[in-house]
Amino acid sequence: MDAGDALIDFGGGTPRPRALDVRWIHGSTSAKHNTDPDIQVHGYDEHTFILRQNMAVNYEAPFLFLLFGNARAVLIDTGATASEEFFPLRRTVDELMADWLERHPRDRYRLLVLHTHPHGDHTAGDAQFADRPDTTVVGAQRAEAWDHFGFTEEPDAVAPVDLGGRVLECLATPGHHTAAVTFYDPWTGILFTGDTVYPGRLYIEDWPAFARTVERLIEFSDRRPVTHVLGCHIEMTRQPGVDYPIRTTYQPDEPPLQMTTRHLHDIRAAIEEIGDRPVRRAFPDFVLWPND
């Protein structure tokens, strides 16, 4: 970064939760009547953006996150659709970065693309950034991602992701997937949990690893101010314990995306209740769904 560029202080104070009473785009009764944008963009604050993919483009409707620091921005996950024609992720990110850079001029500002895990609904848009200048795309598979963070040698480490004054903390959190990671942002206090924790079906590849991950997230959060727990999907309805069917493309009765550290304790209690012989079971705000 040029010496003349004004630095933003991302280190001051304790983060306070901002309101997230957002009416997320939630699909339509038919593609013909869908008038929502392909990507909804919500500015959580001036330096933090939450994106949701339209269900008409892909029923998974994942959430993505774009965070700005002094030296570079990070895009966490790239959605469920490869085609830029139907899912203009790069154009959306470029526009957001151009707007941010207009307010905060920087020379040679970079973009880092990371992932919460390698399932296709979180990595399909990677190719849109393959030829983007000043951009690094870190593969989501365990070998590449964990090597990048240093987890191959130290799986219990907390890895820094320095955006320039805004330093995220990354943890290896396997269970949903062997390569899954979680990000904590001290600036906003948000814990980005991918598909490990969200209001929906918590698909569990490895039950013991998932239990250890939930315990670790509780211990980690006990030592940090966590304002919101944000996963990458909404699959529950507002009726406790009732989820929308898989492949649903219209979810008019969604609960909020944001969860709290209380939900981490609820998930731990649910794991303990089920015990060592995992079965699928619905709880008020999530469903534990061990893989067969």
Protein backbone atom coordinates (compact mmCIF):
# COMPACT_ATOMS: atom_id res chain seq x y z
CA MET A 1 0.00 0.00 0.00
CA ASP A 2 1.27 3.48 -0.86
CA ALA A 3 2.64 5.49 2.05
CA GLY A 4 0.17 8.26 1.29
CA ASP A 5 -2.91 6.10 1.64
CA ALA A 6 -5.01 6.76 4.73
CA LEU A 7 -5.10 3.80 7.08
CA ILE A 8 -8.39 2.65 8.57
CA ASP A 9 -8.17 1.67 12.23
CA PHE A 10 -9.68 -1.80 12.45
CA GLY A 11 -8.29 -2.49 15.91
CA GLY A 12 -10.08 -0.05 18.15
CA GLY A 13 -12.72 -0.99 20.69
CA THR A 14 -15.00 -3.92 21.35
CA PRO A 15 -17.31 -4.86 18.46
CA ARG A 16 -21.00 -4.19 18.98
CA PRO A 17 -23.69 -6.17 17.18
CA ARG A 18 -25.34 -4.29 14.35
CA ALA A 19 -28.93 -4.95 13.39
CA LEU A 20 -29.44 -7.69 10.83
CA ASP A 21 -33.19 -7.42 10.33
CA VAL A 22 -32.77 -8.05 6.61
CA ARG A 23 -35.49 -9.33 4.33
CA TRP A 24 -33.34 -11.75 2.38
CA ILE A 25 -34.40 -12.75 -1.11
CA HIS A 26 -36.10 -16.10 -0.59
CA GLY A 27 -37.23 -17.33 -4.00
CA SER A 28 -40.50 -17.26 -5.89
CA THR A 29 -43.36 -19.60 -6.73
CA SER A 30 -41.93 -19.81 -10.25
CA ALA A 31 -38.94 -18.60 -12.22
CA LYS A 32 -41.34 -16.64 -14.45
CA HIS A 33 -42.47 -14.49 -11.54
CA ASN A 34 -39.05 -14.09 -9.94
CA THR A 35 -38.02 -10.43 -9.87
CA ASP A 36 -35.25 -10.65 -7.29
CA PRO A 37 -31.67 -9.83 -8.28
CA ASP A 38 -29.32 -12.70 -9.02
CA ILE A 39 -27.28 -11.62 -5.99
CA GLN A 40 -28.58 -9.63 -3.04
CA VAL A 41 -26.00 -7.37 -1.39
CA HIS A 42 -26.33 -6.14 2.18
CA GLY A 43 -23.83 -3.71 3.64
CA TYR A 44 -23.37 -4.76 7.26
CA ASP A 45 -21.04 -1.80 7.66
CA GLU A 46 -18.86 0.26 5.35
CA HIS A 47 -16.23 -2.49 5.14
CA THR A 48 -18.33 -5.67 5.41
CA PHE A 49 -20.82 -7.08 2.88
CA ILE A 50 -23.12 -10.09 2.97
CA LEU A 51 -24.24 -11.54 -0.37
CA ARG A 52 -26.99 -14.06 -1.02
CA GLN A 53 -27.47 -16.03 -4.22
CA ASN A 54 -30.97 -16.09 -5.70
CA MET A 55 -32.87 -19.37 -5.26
CA ALA A 56 -34.07 -19.07 -8.84
CA VAL A 57 -30.44 -19.44 -9.91
CA ASN A 58 -29.71 -22.29 -7.50
CA TYR A 59 -31.91 -23.70 -4.73
CA GLU A 60 -28.96 -23.81 -2.31
CA ALA A 61 -29.10 -19.98 -2.14
CA PRO A 62 -25.81 -19.74 -0.25
CA PHE A 63 -24.53 -16.67 1.55
CA LEU A 64 -21.09 -15.25 0.70
CA PHE A 65 -19.06 -12.63 2.54
CA LEU A 66 -16.82 -9.81 1.29
CA LEU A 67 -14.60 -8.10 3.88
CA PHE A 68 -12.28 -5.15 3.26
CA GLY A 69 -8.98 -4.35 4.95
CA ASN A 70 -6.33 -1.73 4.28
CA ALA A 71 -4.29 -3.88 1.88
CA ARG A 72 -6.74 -6.37 0.44
CA ALA A 73 -10.26 -7.73 0.57
CA VAL A 74 -11.31 -11.32 1.15
CA LEU A 75 -14.24 -13.09 -0.49
CA ILE A 76 -15.37 -16.07 1.58
CA ASP A 77 -16.96 -18.67 -0.74
CA THR A 78 -18.01 -18.21 -4.37
CA GLY A 79 -21.52 -19.65 -4.54
CA ALA A 80 -23.30 -22.48 -6.29
CA THR A 81 -23.21 -21.46 -9.97
CA ALA A 82 -20.22 -21.28 -12.31
CA SER A 83 -21.72 -19.23 -15.15
CA GLU A 84 -21.21 -15.49 -14.82
CA GLU A 85 -24.17 -15.01 -17.17
CA PHE A 86 -26.55 -16.48 -14.60
CA PHE A 87 -24.56 -15.63 -11.48
CA PRO A 88 -22.56 -12.41 -11.98
CA LEU A 89 -20.40 -12.78 -8.87
CA ARG A 90 -17.21 -11.30 -10.27
CA ARG A 91 -19.04 -8.27 -11.64
CA THR A 92 -20.76 -7.77 -8.28
CA VAL A 93 -17.49 -8.05 -6.36
CA ASP A 94 -15.71 -5.75 -8.82
CA GLU A 95 -18.43 -3.13 -8.39
CA LEU A 96 -18.29 -3.34 -4.61
CA MET A 97 -14.52 -3.07 -4.64
CA ALA A 98 -14.59 -0.13 -7.05
CA ASP A 99 -17.08 1.69 -4.82
CA TRP A 100 -14.98 0.99 -1.73
CA LEU A 101 -11.78 2.11 -3.45
CA GLU A 102 -13.45 5.32 -4.56
CA ARG A 103 -14.01 6.13 -0.90
CA HIS A 104 -10.68 4.69 0.26
CA PRO A 105 -8.16 5.07 -2.59
CA ARG A 106 -5.42 2.45 -2.68
CA ASP A 107 -2.74 1.45 -5.16
CA ARG A 108 -2.52 -2.21 -6.15
CA TYR A 109 -5.40 -3.32 -3.94
CA ARG A 110 -5.68 -7.11 -3.92
CA LEU A 111 -8.42 -9.73 -3.56
CA LEU A 112 -8.08 -13.01 -1.69
CA VAL A 113 -10.65 -15.77 -2.31
CA LEU A 114 -11.06 -18.32 0.49
CA HIS A 115 -13.69 -20.94 1.30
CA THR A 116 -15.42 -22.44 4.29
CA HIS A 117 -15.21 -25.92 2.69
CA PRO A 118 -15.06 -27.48 -0.79
CA HIS A 119 -18.67 -28.44 -1.53
CA GLY A 120 -19.79 -27.24 -4.95
CA ASP A 121 -22.34 -24.73 -3.67
CA HIS A 122 -19.44 -22.83 -2.07
CA THR A 123 -16.82 -23.09 -4.82
CA ALA A 124 -18.64 -23.08 -8.17
CA GLY A 125 -17.81 -19.44 -8.91
CA ASP A 126 -14.05 -19.81 -8.44
CA ALA A 127 -13.35 -19.79 -12.18
CA GLN A 128 -14.82 -16.30 -12.49
CA PHE A 129 -11.76 -15.03 -10.59
CA ALA A 130 -9.10 -17.19 -12.24
CA ASP A 131 -7.87 -14.41 -14.56
CA ARG A 132 -8.66 -11.45 -12.33
CA PRO A 133 -5.59 -9.25 -11.77
CA ASP A 134 -4.16 -8.95 -8.26
CA THR A 135 -6.24 -11.90 -7.10
CA THR A 136 -5.31 -15.08 -5.23
CA VAL A 137 -7.76 -17.98 -5.20
CA VAL A 138 -6.90 -20.58 -2.58
CA GLY A 139 -8.34 -23.99 -3.40
CA ALA A 140 -10.91 -25.34 -0.98
CA GLN A 141 -9.78 -28.96 -0.84
CA ARG A 142 -8.08 -29.96 2.38
CA ALA A 143 -4.56 -30.36 1.00
CA GLU A 144 -4.42 -26.84 -0.46
CA ALA A 145 -6.57 -24.98 2.06
CA TRP A 146 -5.04 -26.49 5.16
CA ASP A 147 -1.53 -26.01 3.79
CA HIS A 148 -2.34 -22.35 3.17
CA PHE A 149 -3.47 -21.88 6.78
CA GLY A 150 -0.76 -24.10 8.28
CA PHE A 151 -3.23 -26.66 9.62
CA THR A 152 -1.46 -29.58 7.95
CA GLU A 153 1.31 -29.23 10.52
CA GLU A 154 -0.73 -27.69 13.34
CA PRO A 155 -4.45 -28.60 13.06
CA ASP A 156 -5.24 -26.87 16.36
CA ALA A 157 -3.60 -23.60 15.39
CA VAL A 158 -5.45 -20.30 15.01
CA ALA A 159 -4.27 -18.92 11.68
CA PRO A 160 -4.22 -15.17 10.98
CA VAL A 161 -5.65 -13.84 7.72
CA ASP A 162 -4.25 -10.31 7.52
CA LEU A 163 -6.19 -7.96 5.25
CA GLY A 164 -4.11 -5.00 6.34
CA GLY A 165 -4.96 -3.96 9.89
CA ARG A 166 -8.04 -6.20 9.85
CA VAL A 167 -6.79 -9.63 10.89
CA LEU A 168 -9.23 -12.52 10.75
CA GLU A 169 -8.67 -15.66 12.79
CA CYS A 170 -9.18 -19.00 11.07
CA LEU A 171 -9.77 -22.37 12.74
CA ALA A 172 -9.86 -25.88 11.32
CA THR A 173 -13.36 -27.12 12.11
CA PRO A 174 -13.90 -30.55 10.51
CA GLY A 175 -17.07 -32.55 10.96
CA HIS A 176 -19.36 -31.28 8.23
CA HIS A 177 -16.42 -31.81 5.89
CA THR A 178 -12.85 -32.84 6.60
CA ALA A 179 -11.57 -29.55 5.13
CA ALA A 180 -14.06 -27.22 6.84
CA VAL A 181 -12.79 -24.02 8.45
CA THR A 182 -14.36 -21.20 10.45
CA PHE A 183 -13.38 -17.51 10.35
CA TYR A 184 -13.65 -14.97 13.16
CA ASP A 185 -13.52 -11.25 12.40
CA PRO A 186 -12.48 -9.14 15.42
CA TRP A 187 -13.66 -5.94 13.66
CA THR A 188 -17.34 -6.97 13.52
CA GLY A 189 -17.24 -9.77 16.08
CA ILE A 190 -18.82 -12.12 13.51
CA LEU A 191 -18.06 -15.84 13.57
CA PHE A 192 -18.39 -17.20 10.01
CA THR A 193 -19.22 -20.88 10.42
CA GLY A 194 -19.94 -22.04 6.86
CA ASP A 195 -22.09 -25.17 6.89
CA THR A 196 -21.01 -26.17 10.39
CA VAL A 197 -23.58 -23.99 12.16
CA TYR A 198 -26.56 -22.31 10.51
CA PRO A 199 -30.38 -22.40 10.79
CA GLY A 200 -30.90 -25.58 8.83
CA ARG A 201 -29.84 -29.17 8.32
CA LEU A 202 -26.38 -29.64 9.79
CA TYR A 203 -25.04 -32.42 7.59
CA ILE A 204 -22.38 -34.28 9.55
CA GLU A 205 -19.74 -36.33 7.77
CA ASP A 206 -17.81 -37.26 10.92
CA TRP A 207 -19.82 -37.28 14.16
CA PRO A 208 -16.89 -37.34 16.66
CA ALA A 209 -15.05 -34.63 14.70
CA PHE A 210 -18.21 -32.50 14.60
CA ALA A 211 -18.65 -32.84 18.37
CA ARG A 212 -15.02 -31.77 18.92
CA THR A 213 -15.49 -28.81 16.56
CA VAL A 214 -18.58 -27.56 18.39
CA GLU A 215 -16.70 -27.82 21.68
CA ARG A 216 -13.80 -25.90 20.21
CA LEU A 217 -16.05 -23.16 18.86
CA ILE A 218 -17.61 -22.75 22.30
CA GLU A 219 -14.20 -22.47 23.95
CA PHE A 220 -12.97 -20.08 21.24
CA SER A 221 -16.05 -17.88 21.54
CA ASP A 222 -15.84 -17.77 25.32
CA ARG A 223 -12.57 -15.84 24.94
CA ARG A 224 -13.78 -13.36 22.30
CA PRO A 225 -16.70 -10.97 21.83
CA VAL A 226 -18.96 -12.70 19.27
CA THR A 227 -21.78 -10.50 17.95
CA HIS A 228 -23.30 -12.91 15.41
CA VAL A 229 -22.80 -16.47 14.25
CA LEU A 230 -23.31 -16.48 10.48
CA GLY A 231 -23.50 -19.67 8.46
CA CYS A 232 -24.06 -20.00 4.73
CA HIS A 233 -27.70 -21.14 4.40
CA ILE A 234 -31.20 -20.77 5.79
CA GLU A 235 -33.22 -23.99 5.64
CA MET A 236 -35.49 -23.76 8.68
CA THR A 237 -38.95 -22.21 8.82
CA ARG A 238 -40.08 -19.97 11.67
CA GLN A 239 -41.95 -22.95 13.10
CA PRO A 240 -39.61 -24.54 15.65
CA GLY A 241 -38.07 -27.77 14.43
CA VAL A 242 -39.54 -27.57 10.91
CA ASP A 243 -37.24 -27.23 7.91
CA TYR A 244 -38.05 -26.57 4.28
CA PRO A 245 -37.80 -29.67 2.07
CA ILE A 246 -34.54 -30.20 0.20
CA ARG A 247 -34.50 -28.38 -3.18
CA THR A 248 -37.12 -25.89 -2.07
CA THR A 249 -36.94 -22.70 -4.18
CA TYR A 250 -39.47 -20.60 -2.29
CA GLN A 251 -39.00 -19.95 1.43
CA PRO A 252 -41.29 -17.08 2.46
CA ASP A 253 -41.21 -17.94 6.18
CA GLU A 254 -37.48 -17.97 6.84
CA PRO A 255 -36.01 -17.22 10.27
CA PRO A 256 -33.06 -14.82 10.49
CA LEU A 257 -29.68 -15.91 9.17
CA GLN A 258 -27.87 -14.80 12.31
CA MET A 259 -27.47 -17.13 15.25
CA THR A 260 -25.71 -16.63 18.58
CA THR A 261 -23.21 -18.42 20.77
CA ARG A 262 -26.23 -19.80 22.67
CA HIS A 263 -26.92 -21.92 19.60
CA LEU A 264 -23.44 -23.44 19.91
CA HIS A 265 -24.39 -24.59 23.40
CA ASP A 266 -27.73 -25.86 22.08
CA ILE A 267 -25.94 -27.92 19.44
CA ARG A 268 -23.57 -29.34 22.03
CA ALA A 269 -26.52 -30.31 24.23
CA ALA A 270 -28.23 -31.93 21.23
CA ILE A 271 -25.10 -33.96 20.45
CA GLU A 272 -24.92 -35.13 24.05
CA GLU A 273 -28.61 -36.01 24.03
CA ILE A 274 -28.22 -38.18 20.93
CA GLY A 275 -25.04 -39.83 22.20
CA ASP A 276 -22.65 -42.12 20.35
CA ARG A 277 -25.21 -43.63 17.96
CA PRO A 278 -26.00 -40.67 15.70
CA VAL A 279 -29.48 -40.33 14.23
CA ARG A 280 -31.26 -37.53 12.41
CA ARG A 281 -33.19 -35.37 14.81
CA ALA A 282 -34.84 -31.95 14.57
CA PHE A 283 -34.37 -29.32 17.26
CA PRO A 284 -36.06 -25.91 17.37
CA ASP A 285 -33.42 -23.98 15.37
CA PHE A 286 -31.54 -26.69 13.47
CA VAL A 287 -31.57 -30.33 12.42
CA LEU A 288 -28.70 -32.68 13.18
CA TRP A 289 -28.29 -34.80 10.06
CA PRO A 290 -25.47 -37.36 10.27
CA ASN A 291 -24.55 -38.86 6.91
CA ASP A 292 -25.61 -42.46 6.37
